[in-house]
């Protein structure tokens, strides 16, 4: 993907096209590439997928689950008696921001 192009198109949507709200970005990297533009131009971004947390912006509605809402409760359950009292497990994820950050939080 072309992250600089995402920022450029966001600037065009908010500035030239005068859109009120952007719904989009699928990955954390794409969100992070448009965030400075959205904040600078006081736009609104609805980010509809899970995200790693550790970020807050008055210009973004984060509608997906963060690790404290999804991963932490799952691990807590697995470690509980009802969940099988797991003592060891493996955390797998692809190589991008969300799984790396979630793995870091869960350690």
C-alpha atoms as a PDB file:
ATOM      1  CA  UNK A   1       0.000   0.000   0.000  1.00  0.00           C
ATOM      2  CA  UNK A   2       0.995   3.586  -0.549  1.00  0.00           C
ATOM      3  CA  UNK A   3       0.774   5.303   2.858  1.00  0.00           C
ATOM      4  CA  UNK A   4       1.790   8.787   1.624  1.00  0.00           C
ATOM      5  CA  UNK A   5      -0.985   8.557  -0.982  1.00  0.00           C
ATOM      6  CA  UNK A   6      -3.508   7.850   1.799  1.00  0.00           C
ATOM      7  CA  UNK A   7      -2.502  11.083   3.536  1.00  0.00           C
ATOM      8  CA  UNK A   8      -2.645  12.998   0.245  1.00  0.00           C
ATOM      9  CA  UNK A   9      -6.130  11.675  -0.576  1.00  0.00           C
ATOM     10  CA  UNK A  10      -7.310  12.462   2.955  1.00  0.00           C
ATOM     11  CA  UNK A  11      -6.140  16.045   2.504  1.00  0.00           C
ATOM     12  CA  UNK A  12      -8.037  16.212  -0.794  1.00  0.00           C
ATOM     13  CA  UNK A  13     -11.217  14.755   0.707  1.00  0.00           C
ATOM     14  CA  UNK A  14     -11.238  17.142   3.663  1.00  0.00           C
ATOM     15  CA  UNK A  15      -9.908  20.235   1.890  1.00  0.00           C
ATOM     16  CA  UNK A  16     -11.023  20.250  -1.731  1.00  0.00           C
ATOM     17  CA  UNK A  17     -13.998  17.893  -1.628  1.00  0.00           C
ATOM     18  CA  UNK A  18     -15.230  19.225   1.732  1.00  0.00           C
ATOM     19  CA  UNK A  19     -16.339  15.834   3.073  1.00  0.00           C
ATOM     20  CA  UNK A  20     -17.560  15.923   6.656  1.00  0.00           C
ATOM     21  CA  UNK A  21     -16.458  12.462   7.788  1.00  0.00           C
ATOM     22  CA  UNK A  22     -14.127   9.754   6.523  1.00  0.00           C
ATOM     23  CA  UNK A  23     -14.957   6.109   7.210  1.00  0.00           C
ATOM     24  CA  UNK A  24     -11.930   3.998   6.576  1.00  0.00           C
ATOM     25  CA  UNK A  25      -8.438   2.746   7.048  1.00  0.00           C
ATOM     26  CA  UNK A  26      -8.140  -0.983   7.570  1.00  0.00           C
ATOM     27  CA  UNK A  27      -4.725  -1.245   9.157  1.00  0.00           C
ATOM     28  CA  UNK A  28      -3.031   0.644  11.955  1.00  0.00           C
ATOM     29  CA  UNK A  29      -0.384   1.906   9.539  1.00  0.00           C
ATOM     30  CA  UNK A  30      -3.006   3.389   7.223  1.00  0.00           C
ATOM     31  CA  UNK A  31      -4.743   5.049  10.193  1.00  0.00           C
ATOM     32  CA  UNK A  32      -1.464   6.452  11.481  1.00  0.00           C
ATOM     33  CA  UNK A  33      -0.633   7.826   8.021  1.00  0.00           C
ATOM     34  CA  UNK A  34      -3.861   9.846   7.760  1.00  0.00           C
ATOM     35  CA  UNK A  35      -4.138  10.868  11.422  1.00  0.00           C
ATOM     36  CA  UNK A  36      -1.893  13.967  11.218  1.00  0.00           C
ATOM     37  CA  UNK A  37      -3.916  15.266   8.256  1.00  0.00           C
ATOM     38  CA  UNK A  38      -7.255  14.561   9.947  1.00  0.00           C
ATOM     39  CA  UNK A  39      -6.092  16.382  13.090  1.00  0.00           C
ATOM     40  CA  UNK A  40      -4.509  19.297  11.213  1.00  0.00           C
ATOM     41  CA  UNK A  41      -7.668  19.856   9.160  1.00  0.00           C
ATOM     42  CA  UNK A  42      -9.987  19.110  12.104  1.00  0.00           C
ATOM     43  CA  UNK A  43     -11.708  16.308  10.205  1.00  0.00           C
ATOM     44  CA  UNK A  44     -13.399  13.220  11.586  1.00  0.00           C
ATOM     45  CA  UNK A  45     -12.304   9.647  10.971  1.00  0.00           C
ATOM     46  CA  UNK A  46     -14.353   6.585  11.874  1.00  0.00           C
ATOM     47  CA  UNK A  47     -11.909   3.697  12.281  1.00  0.00           C
ATOM     48  CA  UNK A  48     -14.050   0.532  12.190  1.00  0.00           C
ATOM     49  CA  UNK A  49     -11.635  -2.268  13.080  1.00  0.00           C
ATOM     50  CA  UNK A  50      -9.827  -3.540  16.169  1.00  0.00           C
ATOM     51  CA  UNK A  51      -6.837  -1.435  17.085  1.00  0.00           C
ATOM     52  CA  UNK A  52      -3.910  -1.628  19.456  1.00  0.00           C
ATOM     53  CA  UNK A  53      -4.922   1.231  21.736  1.00  0.00           C
ATOM     54  CA  UNK A  54      -2.131   3.486  22.992  1.00  0.00           C
ATOM     55  CA  UNK A  55      -3.505   6.325  20.845  1.00  0.00           C
ATOM     56  CA  UNK A  56      -6.158   8.944  21.460  1.00  0.00           C
ATOM     57  CA  UNK A  57      -7.459  11.628  19.143  1.00  0.00           C
ATOM     58  CA  UNK A  58     -10.493  13.875  19.423  1.00  0.00           C
ATOM     59  CA  UNK A  59     -10.766  13.494  15.644  1.00  0.00           C
ATOM     60  CA  UNK A  60     -11.118   9.699  15.552  1.00  0.00           C
ATOM     61  CA  UNK A  61     -13.959   7.405  16.573  1.00  0.00           C
ATOM     62  CA  UNK A  62     -12.303   4.068  17.351  1.00  0.00           C
ATOM     63  CA  UNK A  63     -15.199   1.620  16.997  1.00  0.00           C
ATOM     64  CA  UNK A  64     -13.237  -1.648  17.088  1.00  0.00           C
ATOM     65  CA  UNK A  65     -12.061  -3.494  20.170  1.00  0.00           C
ATOM     66  CA  UNK A  66      -8.756  -2.649  21.840  1.00  0.00           C
ATOM     67  CA  UNK A  67      -6.632  -5.315  23.619  1.00  0.00           C
ATOM     68  CA  UNK A  68      -8.163  -4.492  27.013  1.00  0.00           C
ATOM     69  CA  UNK A  69     -11.586  -5.336  25.551  1.00  0.00           C
ATOM     70  CA  UNK A  70     -10.653  -8.445  23.585  1.00  0.00           C
ATOM     71  CA  UNK A  71      -7.258 -10.051  24.185  1.00  0.00           C
ATOM     72  CA  UNK A  72      -6.814  -9.412  27.918  1.00  0.00           C
ATOM     73  CA  UNK A  73     -10.221 -10.900  28.878  1.00  0.00           C
ATOM     74  CA  UNK A  74      -9.503 -13.941  26.685  1.00  0.00           C
ATOM     75  CA  UNK A  75      -6.129 -14.571  28.346  1.00  0.00           C
ATOM     76  CA  UNK A  76      -7.603 -13.970  31.801  1.00  0.00           C
ATOM     77  CA  UNK A  77     -10.248 -16.591  31.035  1.00  0.00           C
ATOM     78  CA  UNK A  78      -7.679 -19.119  29.777  1.00  0.00           C
ATOM     79  CA  UNK A  79      -5.684 -18.641  32.987  1.00  0.00           C
ATOM     80  CA  UNK A  80      -8.785 -19.108  35.177  1.00  0.00           C
ATOM     81  CA  UNK A  81     -10.009 -22.430  36.514  1.00  0.00           C
ATOM     82  CA  UNK A  82     -13.032 -22.331  34.180  1.00  0.00           C
ATOM     83  CA  UNK A  83     -10.734 -21.703  31.224  1.00  0.00           C
ATOM     84  CA  UNK A  84      -8.427 -24.621  31.987  1.00  0.00           C
ATOM     85  CA  UNK A  85      -5.854 -22.886  34.235  1.00  0.00           C
ATOM     86  CA  UNK A  86      -3.415 -22.367  31.363  1.00  0.00           C
ATOM     87  CA  UNK A  87       0.084 -21.523  32.580  1.00  0.00           C
ATOM     88  CA  UNK A  88       1.814 -21.227  29.205  1.00  0.00           C
ATOM     89  CA  UNK A  89       0.613 -20.281  25.757  1.00  0.00           C
ATOM     90  CA  UNK A  90       1.901 -18.949  22.464  1.00  0.00           C
ATOM     91  CA  UNK A  91       0.844 -15.618  21.015  1.00  0.00           C
ATOM     92  CA  UNK A  92       0.795 -15.614  17.221  1.00  0.00           C
ATOM     93  CA  UNK A  93       0.235 -12.706  14.890  1.00  0.00           C
ATOM     94  CA  UNK A  94       1.265 -11.284  11.566  1.00  0.00           C
ATOM     95  CA  UNK A  95       4.042  -8.707  11.446  1.00  0.00           C
ATOM     96  CA  UNK A  96       2.270  -5.381  11.802  1.00  0.00           C
ATOM     97  CA  UNK A  97       1.342  -2.916  14.540  1.00  0.00           C
ATOM     98  CA  UNK A  98      -1.765  -4.509  16.106  1.00  0.00           C
ATOM     99  CA  UNK A  99      -0.384  -8.001  16.847  1.00  0.00           C
ATOM    100  CA  UNK A 100       3.027  -6.683  17.901  1.00  0.00           C
ATOM    101  CA  UNK A 101       1.477  -4.213  20.342  1.00  0.00           C
ATOM    102  CA  UNK A 102      -1.089  -6.707  21.642  1.00  0.00           C
ATOM    103  CA  UNK A 103       1.661  -9.270  22.236  1.00  0.00           C
ATOM    104  CA  UNK A 104       3.667  -6.624  24.112  1.00  0.00           C
ATOM    105  CA  UNK A 105       0.658  -5.726  26.283  1.00  0.00           C
ATOM    106  CA  UNK A 106      -0.104  -9.368  27.082  1.00  0.00           C
ATOM    107  CA  UNK A 107       3.434 -10.211  28.174  1.00  0.00           C
END
